[in-house]
Amino acid sequence: MTTTEKLRPVSPRMLFRGFAVAEMFTWAGLIIALILRAFEVTNIVPIAGGIHGFVFLCYSASTIFVWVNQRWRIRLGITGLLLAIVPFATVPFEIVVDRKGLLAGDWRLAPGGETPHGFVEHVQAWVLRNVLLSIVLLIVLVTVLFITLLWVGPPGAPRMRTYGGADL
């Protein structure tokens, strides 16, 4: 790339598609890890589950970001979020919304774009004006949330606390 070429920004479509595909692959990794554990081959579920959990949080954040930018109806945005719980469902959802033209266009609240209205749009406009800082803050936020969820434990599993060596 020459110095006169501009870096091409990530479009809403590219961002959403990237995390939808990543979510699908991490689902596959988690399912494979569960099968390997069931056959007592190896237990890589904590690793695969951790990676999947992190990508799940990133997919959720990108879904909300694209939802606001594209002005999706509430039902569509919630559907996009809920389908992350269903193995391999994010990619078919992405294909459907893309075919309907719901991922088309650029970031409407980027500098020089539309004027934001309401708190959520103001936050998104700030993020689009401060991309690098926002990425760092988002990574910190997702990491803190991820560590908190690891501390809480897997879904449905009881958590044992120990105090002074005694299980409670």
Protein backbone atom coordinates (compact mmCIF):
# COMPACT_ATOMS: atom_id res chain seq x y z
CA MET A 1 0.00 0.00 0.00
CA THR A 2 1.33 3.42 -0.90
CA THR A 3 1.19 6.39 1.42
CA THR A 4 -1.44 8.03 -0.77
CA GLU A 5 -3.88 5.14 -0.39
CA LYS A 6 -6.43 5.48 2.36
CA LEU A 7 -7.08 2.69 4.79
CA ARG A 8 -10.51 1.28 4.03
CA PRO A 9 -12.68 1.48 7.14
CA VAL A 10 -14.61 -1.54 8.30
CA SER A 11 -18.21 -1.27 7.16
CA PRO A 12 -21.17 -2.37 9.30
CA ARG A 13 -21.54 -5.37 6.96
CA MET A 14 -17.89 -6.42 7.34
CA LEU A 15 -17.96 -6.03 11.13
CA PHE A 16 -21.18 -8.00 11.54
CA ARG A 17 -20.19 -10.73 9.08
CA GLY A 18 -16.78 -11.16 10.70
CA PHE A 19 -18.18 -11.74 14.17
CA ALA A 20 -21.07 -13.90 12.89
CA VAL A 21 -18.58 -16.23 11.19
CA ALA A 22 -16.23 -16.19 14.20
CA GLU A 23 -19.18 -17.09 16.46
CA MET A 24 -20.00 -20.04 14.20
CA PHE A 25 -16.42 -21.35 14.28
CA THR A 26 -16.16 -21.03 18.05
CA TRP A 27 -19.45 -22.94 18.41
CA ALA A 28 -17.88 -25.73 16.33
CA GLY A 29 -14.78 -25.68 18.51
CA LEU A 30 -16.83 -25.86 21.69
CA ILE A 31 -18.96 -28.74 20.39
CA ILE A 32 -15.84 -30.65 19.30
CA ALA A 33 -14.30 -30.04 22.73
CA LEU A 34 -17.45 -31.37 24.43
CA ILE A 35 -17.37 -34.50 22.26
CA LEU A 36 -13.68 -35.07 23.01
CA ARG A 37 -14.39 -34.73 26.73
CA ALA A 38 -17.37 -37.12 26.51
CA PHE A 39 -15.14 -39.77 24.90
CA GLU A 40 -12.44 -39.06 27.49
CA VAL A 41 -9.91 -38.12 24.82
CA THR A 42 -9.01 -34.78 26.36
CA ASN A 43 -10.65 -31.93 28.22
CA ILE A 44 -10.15 -28.71 26.29
CA VAL A 45 -13.65 -27.46 27.13
CA PRO A 46 -12.31 -24.67 29.39
CA ILE A 47 -10.16 -23.35 26.54
CA ALA A 48 -12.78 -23.75 23.80
CA GLY A 49 -15.50 -22.44 26.10
CA GLY A 50 -13.40 -19.42 27.02
CA ILE A 51 -12.68 -18.56 23.41
CA HIS A 52 -16.32 -19.06 22.49
CA GLY A 53 -17.46 -16.91 25.41
CA PHE A 54 -15.14 -14.09 24.40
CA VAL A 55 -16.28 -14.20 20.76
CA PHE A 56 -19.92 -14.40 21.93
CA LEU A 57 -19.45 -11.13 23.83
CA CYS A 58 -17.74 -9.53 20.82
CA TYR A 59 -20.54 -10.70 18.50
CA SER A 60 -23.13 -9.30 20.90
CA ALA A 61 -21.36 -5.93 21.08
CA SER A 62 -21.03 -5.75 17.28
CA THR A 63 -24.69 -6.74 16.84
CA ILE A 64 -25.80 -3.89 19.09
CA PHE A 65 -23.47 -1.47 17.31
CA VAL A 66 -24.76 -2.45 13.85
CA TRP A 67 -28.37 -2.53 15.15
CA VAL A 68 -28.09 1.13 16.20
CA ASN A 69 -26.35 2.18 12.99
CA GLN A 70 -28.75 0.40 10.67
CA ARG A 71 -31.84 1.39 12.67
CA TRP A 72 -33.05 -2.16 12.95
CA ARG A 73 -36.40 -2.75 14.59
CA ILE A 74 -36.16 -3.94 18.19
CA ARG A 75 -37.41 -7.42 17.29
CA LEU A 76 -34.70 -7.86 14.63
CA GLY A 77 -31.92 -6.69 16.97
CA ILE A 78 -33.07 -8.97 19.77
CA THR A 79 -33.33 -11.86 17.32
CA GLY A 80 -29.74 -11.23 16.25
CA LEU A 81 -28.63 -11.33 19.87
CA LEU A 82 -30.66 -14.41 20.81
CA LEU A 83 -29.50 -16.41 17.79
CA ALA A 84 -25.96 -16.34 19.19
CA ILE A 85 -27.23 -18.85 21.76
CA VAL A 86 -28.20 -21.30 18.99
CA PRO A 87 -25.20 -23.14 17.50
CA PHE A 88 -24.34 -21.96 13.98
CA ALA A 89 -27.35 -19.60 13.74
CA THR A 90 -25.44 -16.32 13.45
CA VAL A 91 -24.28 -16.93 9.86
CA PRO A 92 -27.76 -17.73 8.44
CA PHE A 93 -29.06 -14.64 10.29
CA GLU A 94 -26.28 -12.53 8.77
CA ILE A 95 -27.07 -13.88 5.29
CA VAL A 96 -30.78 -13.07 5.66
CA VAL A 97 -30.26 -9.51 6.92
CA ASP A 98 -27.61 -8.90 4.25
CA ARG A 99 -29.90 -10.12 1.45
CA LYS A 100 -32.62 -7.80 2.73
CA GLY A 101 -30.17 -4.89 2.48
CA LEU A 102 -30.11 -4.37 6.25
CA LEU A 103 -26.31 -4.28 6.39
CA ALA A 104 -25.81 -1.89 3.46
CA GLY A 105 -24.07 1.44 3.74
CA ASP A 106 -21.46 3.03 5.92
CA TRP A 107 -21.48 4.31 9.47
CA ARG A 108 -24.20 6.95 9.41
CA LEU A 109 -22.98 8.65 12.61
CA ALA A 110 -19.32 8.84 11.56
CA PRO A 111 -17.69 12.27 11.38
CA GLY A 112 -19.41 14.28 8.65
CA GLY A 113 -22.45 12.02 8.80
CA GLU A 114 -25.85 12.35 10.44
CA THR A 115 -26.41 14.21 13.68
CA PRO A 116 -26.93 11.78 16.56
CA HIS A 117 -30.22 11.82 18.45
CA GLY A 118 -30.54 10.28 21.88
CA PHE A 119 -28.00 8.81 24.27
CA VAL A 120 -27.22 5.61 22.34
CA GLU A 121 -26.57 7.43 19.06
CA HIS A 122 -24.36 9.98 20.85
CA VAL A 123 -22.30 7.12 22.30
CA GLN A 124 -21.99 5.52 18.87
CA ALA A 125 -20.98 8.85 17.29
CA TRP A 126 -18.30 9.29 19.98
CA VAL A 127 -17.03 5.76 19.30
CA LEU A 128 -16.82 6.46 15.58
CA ARG A 129 -14.89 9.70 16.23
CA ASN A 130 -12.49 7.96 18.66
CA VAL A 131 -12.01 4.55 17.08
CA LEU A 132 -8.67 3.51 18.61
CA LEU A 133 -9.60 4.64 22.12
CA SER A 134 -12.97 2.94 21.73
CA ILE A 135 -11.34 -0.33 20.68
CA VAL A 136 -9.09 -0.24 23.74
CA LEU A 137 -12.04 0.57 26.03
CA LEU A 138 -14.17 -2.15 24.43
CA ILE A 139 -11.40 -4.72 24.84
CA VAL A 140 -11.07 -3.74 28.51
CA LEU A 141 -14.84 -3.90 29.02
CA VAL A 142 -15.24 -7.26 27.28
CA THR A 143 -12.22 -8.63 29.17
CA VAL A 144 -13.61 -7.53 32.55
CA LEU A 145 -17.00 -9.01 31.68
CA PHE A 146 -15.32 -12.19 30.42
CA ILE A 147 -13.24 -12.59 33.61
CA THR A 148 -16.33 -11.97 35.72
CA LEU A 149 -18.23 -14.65 33.82
CA LEU A 150 -15.30 -17.07 34.22
CA TRP A 151 -15.33 -16.38 37.95
CA VAL A 152 -19.08 -17.04 38.13
CA GLY A 153 -18.60 -20.33 36.29
CA PRO A 154 -20.31 -22.14 33.45
CA PRO A 155 -24.07 -21.90 33.01
CA GLY A 156 -26.02 -24.21 35.30
CA ALA A 157 -23.02 -25.32 37.34
CA PRO A 158 -23.20 -24.73 41.10
CA ARG A 159 -20.38 -22.65 42.46
CA MET A 160 -18.56 -23.86 45.56
CA ARG A 161 -16.95 -21.27 47.73
CA THR A 162 -14.23 -22.13 50.16
CA TYR A 163 -13.38 -20.17 53.25
CA GLY A 164 -10.42 -21.20 55.31
CA GLY A 165 -10.26 -24.59 53.58
CA ALA A 166 -13.87 -25.54 54.33
CA ASP A 167 -16.35 -26.02 51.51
CA LEU A 168 -19.60 -24.15 52.01
